[in-house]
Amino acid sequence: MRLFLYILLGIIISFIIISVVAYTIPSTDDLSPYNPLWNGLSRLVSDFGGRVITLKDIKLIYPPRSIILVIGFDKNFSEEDLSYVKSYVLGGGVLVIADEREEVNRFLESLDISASVSGEIVADYVFMYRNPLLPIAFAKISGDNLSIYLNYASYINISRPGEGVCVAYTSLYSFIDKDLSGSREKSEPYGPFCVVYLVRIGDGYVYLISDSSVFINSMINLGDNERFIKYLVDGRDLYILYEPVSVSVYSIFRGYIISFYAMILGTWLRYPAALIVALTLYTLGVRYRDAWRFRREKIIFSDLPDIFKRDFEKLIKDLEKRGEEK
């Protein structure tokens, strides 16, 4: 029985340690709403009251009062997924797509948007933050001039000028940095380049931003990035679409741990779980007390002559009995 209790105690302690580690050490995945490090989106969630959703949740959202951010999303959209997204925008929702990769263009085509992300990196050696690969773009929204700080951003190709309107441009000194050297070569064209593009679809709007880094924790407080996000949200309920194709093993494990606790604490299972933990701790406490008492008596009596041991045993038992009665 004692061996079983020790094994059970070891399992409980191990699980507690693992749980504490999983809870205190957050996800480190890029663009994860659960990641509080420089490359995560946790500040976006906390500062703007954002809620994390999956594709299946879109059909449950009321479009006219909401905005959905798709930031660096790498999941292939099925026909069913696209129908959810299209219905949302046509119904008056605001959809923000932020990505510097060419892969996002397939998603844009499915929404019948002709604009595309080039995938090439824009640099600026005059209007920049720290280095030319972190250029600054400029926008005028509701009469307010904004400086938007970018990080390895691309630019937007506009094939049908009348389809939408460019909201933000880089400066005249910006250029396409094909070799990522930070300096302009003769073959690299000058800007300005469009980095924020707005298209109306039905009763809703789609913003295309050729940089996902505008929203990350290390960039959200730079320049007017936070104000820019406030203009985008404009009092709507904010939702962040997060359903990554590939995540780290640690993030998967952490998700299981958190889901397990949510299941235990959020349902009737918390009552038997609390009872089991209480009984286990009580049993272990009793066993520990008895073991300590035996060890104490052994230490006290080990050096005594046999003639005194019986008297001391009786004295200790009497004292313990009186203490319990009090």
Protein backbone atom coordinates (compact mmCIF):
# COMPACT_ATOMS: atom_id res chain seq x y z
CA MET A 1 0.00 0.00 0.00
CA ARG A 2 2.80 2.36 0.92
CA LEU A 3 4.55 1.72 -2.42
CA PHE A 4 1.33 2.51 -4.27
CA LEU A 5 0.98 5.81 -2.40
CA TYR A 6 4.55 6.79 -3.20
CA ILE A 7 3.98 6.02 -6.88
CA LEU A 8 0.75 8.03 -6.86
CA LEU A 9 2.48 10.91 -5.11
CA GLY A 10 5.26 10.86 -7.73
CA ILE A 11 2.72 10.95 -10.56
CA ILE A 12 0.82 13.86 -8.98
CA ILE A 13 4.00 15.89 -8.32
CA SER A 14 5.29 15.23 -11.84
CA PHE A 15 1.99 16.32 -13.38
CA ILE A 16 1.94 19.48 -11.25
CA ILE A 17 5.49 20.38 -12.32
CA ILE A 18 4.70 19.75 -15.99
CA SER A 19 1.51 21.80 -15.71
CA VAL A 20 3.30 24.73 -14.09
CA VAL A 21 5.99 24.68 -16.78
CA ALA A 22 3.39 24.51 -19.57
CA TYR A 23 1.39 27.36 -18.06
CA THR A 24 4.30 29.71 -17.29
CA ILE A 25 6.35 29.11 -20.47
CA PRO A 26 4.21 30.39 -23.35
CA SER A 27 4.05 29.43 -26.99
CA THR A 28 6.94 30.72 -29.12
CA ASP A 29 5.27 30.18 -32.50
CA ASP A 30 5.41 33.07 -34.96
CA LEU A 31 2.24 35.19 -35.09
CA SER A 32 0.58 33.18 -32.35
CA PRO A 33 -2.02 35.03 -30.25
CA TYR A 34 -0.72 33.03 -27.27
CA ASN A 35 2.90 34.12 -27.73
CA PRO A 36 3.95 37.11 -25.53
CA LEU A 37 7.45 37.28 -27.02
CA TRP A 38 8.58 39.73 -29.72
CA ASN A 39 7.12 37.66 -32.60
CA GLY A 40 3.70 36.93 -31.08
CA LEU A 41 0.31 38.61 -31.11
CA SER A 42 -0.57 38.52 -27.42
CA ARG A 43 -0.53 42.32 -27.07
CA LEU A 44 -2.97 42.66 -29.95
CA VAL A 45 -5.30 40.29 -28.13
CA SER A 46 -4.97 41.99 -24.73
CA ASP A 47 -4.90 45.65 -25.85
CA PHE A 48 -7.84 45.39 -28.23
CA GLY A 49 -9.87 42.67 -26.55
CA GLY A 50 -9.36 40.31 -29.48
CA ARG A 51 -10.83 36.82 -29.53
CA VAL A 52 -9.17 33.90 -31.27
CA ILE A 53 -11.32 31.97 -33.74
CA THR A 54 -11.02 29.23 -36.36
CA LEU A 55 -12.51 29.13 -39.84
CA LYS A 56 -15.60 27.27 -38.65
CA ASP A 57 -16.38 30.07 -36.19
CA ILE A 58 -16.80 32.72 -38.91
CA LYS A 59 -20.37 31.70 -39.68
CA LEU A 60 -21.31 32.46 -36.05
CA ILE A 61 -20.06 36.08 -36.17
CA TYR A 62 -22.35 39.03 -36.90
CA PRO A 63 -20.61 40.85 -39.82
CA PRO A 64 -21.74 44.49 -39.40
CA ARG A 65 -20.29 44.75 -35.90
CA SER A 66 -17.06 42.80 -36.30
CA ILE A 67 -13.62 42.73 -37.88
CA ILE A 68 -11.54 39.63 -38.60
CA LEU A 69 -7.75 39.69 -38.88
CA VAL A 70 -5.99 37.08 -41.00
CA ILE A 71 -2.31 37.56 -40.13
CA GLY A 72 0.27 35.39 -41.88
CA PHE A 73 -2.29 32.63 -42.27
CA ASP A 74 -0.84 29.56 -44.02
CA LYS A 75 -3.79 27.17 -44.17
CA ASN A 76 -5.27 26.27 -47.55
CA PHE A 77 -8.86 27.40 -47.73
CA SER A 78 -11.41 24.82 -48.82
CA GLU A 79 -14.50 25.77 -50.82
CA GLU A 80 -16.53 25.60 -47.63
CA ASP A 81 -14.06 27.86 -45.82
CA LEU A 82 -14.17 30.39 -48.65
CA SER A 83 -17.95 30.43 -48.58
CA TYR A 84 -17.82 31.41 -44.89
CA VAL A 85 -15.35 34.22 -45.59
CA LYS A 86 -17.22 35.54 -48.63
CA SER A 87 -20.56 35.51 -46.85
CA TYR A 88 -19.00 37.36 -43.94
CA VAL A 89 -17.59 40.17 -46.13
CA LEU A 90 -20.67 40.43 -48.36
CA GLY A 91 -22.79 40.73 -45.22
CA GLY A 92 -20.94 43.85 -44.07
CA GLY A 93 -17.90 42.47 -42.27
CA VAL A 94 -14.37 43.90 -42.35
CA LEU A 95 -11.61 41.47 -43.27
CA VAL A 96 -7.94 42.39 -42.81
CA ILE A 97 -5.37 40.23 -44.62
CA ALA A 98 -1.77 40.91 -43.53
CA ASP A 99 0.95 38.92 -45.25
CA GLU A 100 4.19 39.66 -47.12
CA ARG A 101 4.31 36.31 -48.95
CA GLU A 102 3.09 35.52 -52.45
CA GLU A 103 1.16 32.51 -51.11
CA VAL A 104 -1.60 34.87 -49.95
CA ASN A 105 -2.47 35.70 -53.57
CA ARG A 106 -4.45 32.47 -54.00
CA PHE A 107 -6.69 33.58 -51.18
CA LEU A 108 -7.11 37.02 -52.78
CA GLU A 109 -8.07 35.45 -56.10
CA SER A 110 -10.75 33.39 -54.40
CA LEU A 111 -12.26 36.64 -53.11
CA ASP A 112 -12.16 38.08 -56.66
CA ILE A 113 -9.52 40.66 -55.69
CA SER A 114 -7.11 41.38 -58.54
CA ALA A 115 -4.44 43.06 -56.36
CA SER A 116 -1.54 40.85 -55.29
CA VAL A 117 1.42 40.80 -52.93
CA SER A 118 4.72 40.82 -54.80
CA GLY A 119 6.78 38.90 -52.25
CA GLU A 120 9.81 41.18 -52.82
CA ILE A 121 11.17 43.17 -49.88
CA VAL A 122 10.89 46.96 -49.67
CA ALA A 123 13.69 48.98 -48.06
CA ASP A 124 14.19 52.69 -47.34
CA TYR A 125 17.47 54.30 -46.34
CA VAL A 126 15.87 57.66 -45.42
CA PHE A 127 12.50 56.94 -43.75
CA MET A 128 13.31 53.90 -41.68
CA TYR A 129 13.52 52.51 -38.15
CA ARG A 130 17.03 51.36 -37.20
CA ASN A 131 17.86 49.92 -40.64
CA PRO A 132 16.59 50.20 -44.24
CA LEU A 133 14.75 46.88 -44.05
CA LEU A 134 12.41 48.41 -41.47
CA PRO A 135 10.89 51.17 -43.62
CA ILE A 136 8.16 53.62 -42.66
CA ALA A 137 4.94 53.98 -44.66
CA PHE A 138 2.59 56.95 -44.57
CA ALA A 139 -1.21 57.01 -44.52
CA LYS A 140 -3.94 59.61 -44.21
CA ILE A 141 -7.08 58.26 -42.54
CA SER A 142 -9.98 60.51 -41.55
CA GLY A 143 -7.71 63.52 -41.93
CA ASP A 144 -5.12 62.04 -39.58
CA ASN A 145 -1.55 61.52 -40.86
CA LEU A 146 -0.07 58.23 -39.68
CA SER A 147 3.43 56.76 -39.79
CA ILE A 148 3.25 52.98 -40.06
CA TYR A 149 6.42 51.09 -39.12
CA LEU A 150 7.12 48.01 -41.22
CA ASN A 151 9.42 45.02 -40.82
CA TYR A 152 10.67 43.17 -43.92
CA ALA A 153 7.52 44.23 -45.75
CA SER A 154 6.59 43.54 -49.34
CA TYR A 155 4.43 45.73 -51.59
CA ILE A 156 1.10 45.41 -53.40
CA ASN A 157 0.68 45.16 -57.16
CA ILE A 158 -2.50 46.89 -58.33
CA SER A 159 -3.69 45.57 -61.69
CA ARG A 160 -7.11 47.29 -61.73
CA PRO A 161 -6.69 50.82 -60.30
CA GLY A 162 -10.43 51.44 -60.00
CA GLU A 163 -11.04 48.31 -57.95
CA GLY A 164 -9.91 49.80 -54.65
CA VAL A 165 -7.83 52.54 -53.07
CA CYS A 166 -4.31 52.54 -51.66
CA VAL A 167 -4.35 53.67 -48.03
CA ALA A 168 -0.61 53.73 -47.26
CA TYR A 169 2.54 54.26 -49.33
CA THR A 170 6.25 54.05 -48.62
CA SER A 171 8.36 57.13 -49.37
CA LEU A 172 9.95 58.28 -52.62
CA TYR A 173 13.28 57.02 -51.27
CA SER A 174 12.07 53.44 -50.81
CA PHE A 175 13.23 50.75 -53.22
CA ILE A 176 12.89 47.05 -53.89
CA ASP A 177 15.84 45.43 -52.14
CA LYS A 178 16.28 42.31 -54.25
CA ASP A 179 19.55 41.26 -52.58
CA LEU A 180 18.55 42.38 -49.03
CA SER A 181 21.71 44.46 -48.79
CA GLY A 182 20.01 47.53 -47.35
CA SER A 183 21.44 49.70 -50.11
CA ARG A 184 19.99 50.39 -53.55
CA GLU A 185 21.59 48.93 -56.65
CA LYS A 186 21.01 50.42 -60.11
CA SER A 187 18.64 47.62 -61.09
CA GLU A 188 16.43 48.09 -58.05
CA PRO A 189 13.48 50.46 -58.73
CA TYR A 190 12.47 53.35 -56.50
CA GLY A 191 9.12 53.77 -54.77
CA PRO A 192 6.73 54.86 -53.54
CA PHE A 193 5.01 51.48 -53.13
CA CYS A 194 1.53 50.68 -51.89
CA VAL A 195 1.54 48.63 -48.69
CA VAL A 196 -2.09 48.99 -47.50
CA TYR A 197 -4.92 48.52 -50.00
CA LEU A 198 -8.68 48.77 -49.41
CA VAL A 199 -11.34 47.03 -51.52
CA ARG A 200 -15.10 47.07 -51.06
CA ILE A 201 -16.92 43.77 -51.62
CA GLY A 202 -20.68 43.80 -51.24
CA ASP A 203 -21.52 45.57 -47.98
CA GLY A 204 -18.12 44.83 -46.45
CA TYR A 205 -14.47 45.75 -46.86
CA VAL A 206 -11.18 43.93 -47.32
CA TYR A 207 -7.90 45.51 -46.22
CA LEU A 208 -4.76 44.03 -47.76
CA ILE A 209 -1.54 44.81 -45.84
CA SER A 210 1.72 43.54 -47.30
CA ASP A 211 3.36 43.05 -43.90
CA SER A 212 2.23 40.81 -41.04
CA SER A 213 4.72 42.40 -38.62
CA VAL A 214 2.65 45.54 -38.08
CA PHE A 215 0.63 43.60 -35.49
CA ILE A 216 3.36 41.74 -33.59
CA ASN A 217 4.32 42.55 -29.99
CA SER A 218 7.64 44.22 -30.87
CA MET A 219 6.10 46.52 -33.52
CA ILE A 220 2.63 47.41 -32.27
CA ASN A 221 3.88 50.37 -30.18
CA LEU A 222 6.21 51.79 -32.81
CA GLY A 223 5.23 54.93 -34.68
CA ASP A 224 1.47 55.09 -35.22
CA ASN A 225 0.95 51.35 -35.59
CA GLU A 226 -1.40 51.18 -32.62
CA ARG A 227 -3.43 54.14 -33.86
CA PHE A 228 -3.61 52.54 -37.29
CA ILE A 229 -5.04 49.37 -35.74
CA LYS A 230 -7.58 51.47 -33.81
CA TYR A 231 -8.74 53.00 -37.09
CA LEU A 232 -9.10 49.52 -38.57
CA VAL A 233 -11.08 48.20 -35.62
CA ASP A 234 -13.21 51.36 -35.29
CA GLY A 235 -15.24 50.08 -32.32
CA ARG A 236 -16.03 46.68 -33.85
CA ASP A 237 -15.58 43.33 -32.10
CA LEU A 238 -12.11 42.08 -32.98
CA TYR A 239 -11.52 38.46 -34.00
CA ILE A 240 -8.16 36.91 -34.90
CA LEU A 241 -8.24 33.92 -37.22
CA TYR A 242 -5.71 31.36 -35.96
CA GLU A 243 -5.62 27.84 -37.27
CA PRO A 244 -1.98 27.11 -38.13
CA VAL A 245 -0.94 24.17 -40.27
CA SER A 246 2.34 23.61 -38.45
CA VAL A 247 3.07 24.40 -34.81
CA SER A 248 5.84 23.34 -32.46
CA VAL A 249 5.55 20.12 -30.47
CA TYR A 250 5.69 22.16 -27.28
CA SER A 251 2.72 24.30 -28.35
CA ILE A 252 0.70 21.17 -29.12
CA PHE A 253 1.57 19.68 -25.73
CA ARG A 254 0.79 22.96 -23.97
CA GLY A 255 -2.55 23.12 -25.75
CA TYR A 256 -3.45 19.65 -24.50
CA ILE A 257 -2.51 20.57 -20.93
CA ILE A 258 -4.57 23.77 -20.99
CA SER A 259 -7.50 21.96 -22.63
CA PHE A 260 -7.32 19.27 -19.96
CA TYR A 261 -7.54 21.83 -17.16
CA ALA A 262 -10.33 23.66 -18.96
CA MET A 263 -12.25 20.38 -19.18
CA ILE A 264 -11.69 19.60 -15.51
CA LEU A 265 -12.39 23.07 -14.12
CA GLY A 266 -15.21 23.94 -16.50
CA THR A 267 -17.40 20.85 -16.02
CA TRP A 268 -18.79 18.65 -13.26
CA LEU A 269 -15.49 16.73 -13.31
CA ARG A 270 -13.97 19.36 -11.02
CA TYR A 271 -15.90 17.96 -8.04
CA PRO A 272 -14.62 14.34 -8.16
CA ALA A 273 -11.17 15.68 -9.11
CA ALA A 274 -11.11 17.91 -6.03
CA LEU A 275 -12.29 15.01 -3.85
CA ILE A 276 -9.59 12.68 -5.20
CA VAL A 277 -6.86 15.29 -4.63
CA ALA A 278 -8.10 16.02 -1.09
CA LEU A 279 -8.26 12.31 -0.14
CA THR A 280 -4.83 11.68 -1.63
CA LEU A 281 -3.26 14.58 0.25
CA TYR A 282 -4.97 13.53 3.49
CA THR A 283 -3.80 9.93 3.15
CA LEU A 284 -0.27 11.03 2.34
CA GLY A 285 -0.34 13.42 5.30
CA VAL A 286 -1.37 10.68 7.68
CA ARG A 287 1.29 8.33 6.32
CA TYR A 288 3.94 11.03 6.59
CA ARG A 289 2.91 11.84 10.17
CA ASP A 290 3.10 8.19 11.22
CA ALA A 291 6.43 7.72 9.49
CA TRP A 292 7.85 10.83 11.17
CA ARG A 293 6.56 9.72 14.57
CA PHE A 294 8.22 6.33 14.16
CA ARG A 295 11.46 7.94 13.08
CA ARG A 296 11.38 10.41 15.99
CA GLU A 297 10.77 7.68 18.54
CA LYS A 298 13.52 5.59 17.01
CA ILE A 299 15.97 8.48 17.31
CA ILE A 300 14.98 9.23 20.92
CA PHE A 301 15.01 5.61 22.14
CA SER A 302 18.05 4.37 20.23
CA ASP A 303 20.58 5.41 22.88
CA LEU A 304 18.44 4.75 25.96
CA PRO A 305 18.79 1.69 28.16
CA ASP A 306 15.96 -0.78 27.81
CA ILE A 307 14.81 -0.09 31.35
CA PHE A 308 13.84 3.54 30.44
CA LYS A 309 12.34 3.00 26.97
CA ARG A 310 8.97 1.77 28.23
CA ASP A 311 8.52 4.78 30.55
CA PHE A 312 9.45 7.26 27.81
CA GLU A 313 7.07 5.61 25.34
CA LYS A 314 4.22 5.91 27.81
CA LEU A 315 5.12 9.57 28.56
CA ILE A 316 5.14 10.53 24.86
CA LYS A 317 1.80 8.80 24.24
CA ASP A 318 0.23 10.61 27.21
CA LEU A 319 1.50 13.98 25.95
CA GLU A 320 0.20 13.36 22.43
CA LYS A 321 -3.17 12.29 23.81
CA ARG A 322 -3.46 15.46 25.90
CA GLY A 323 -2.47 17.59 22.89
CA GLU A 324 -5.19 15.99 20.78
CA GLU A 325 -7.81 16.58 23.50
CA LYS A 326 -6.94 20.28 23.64
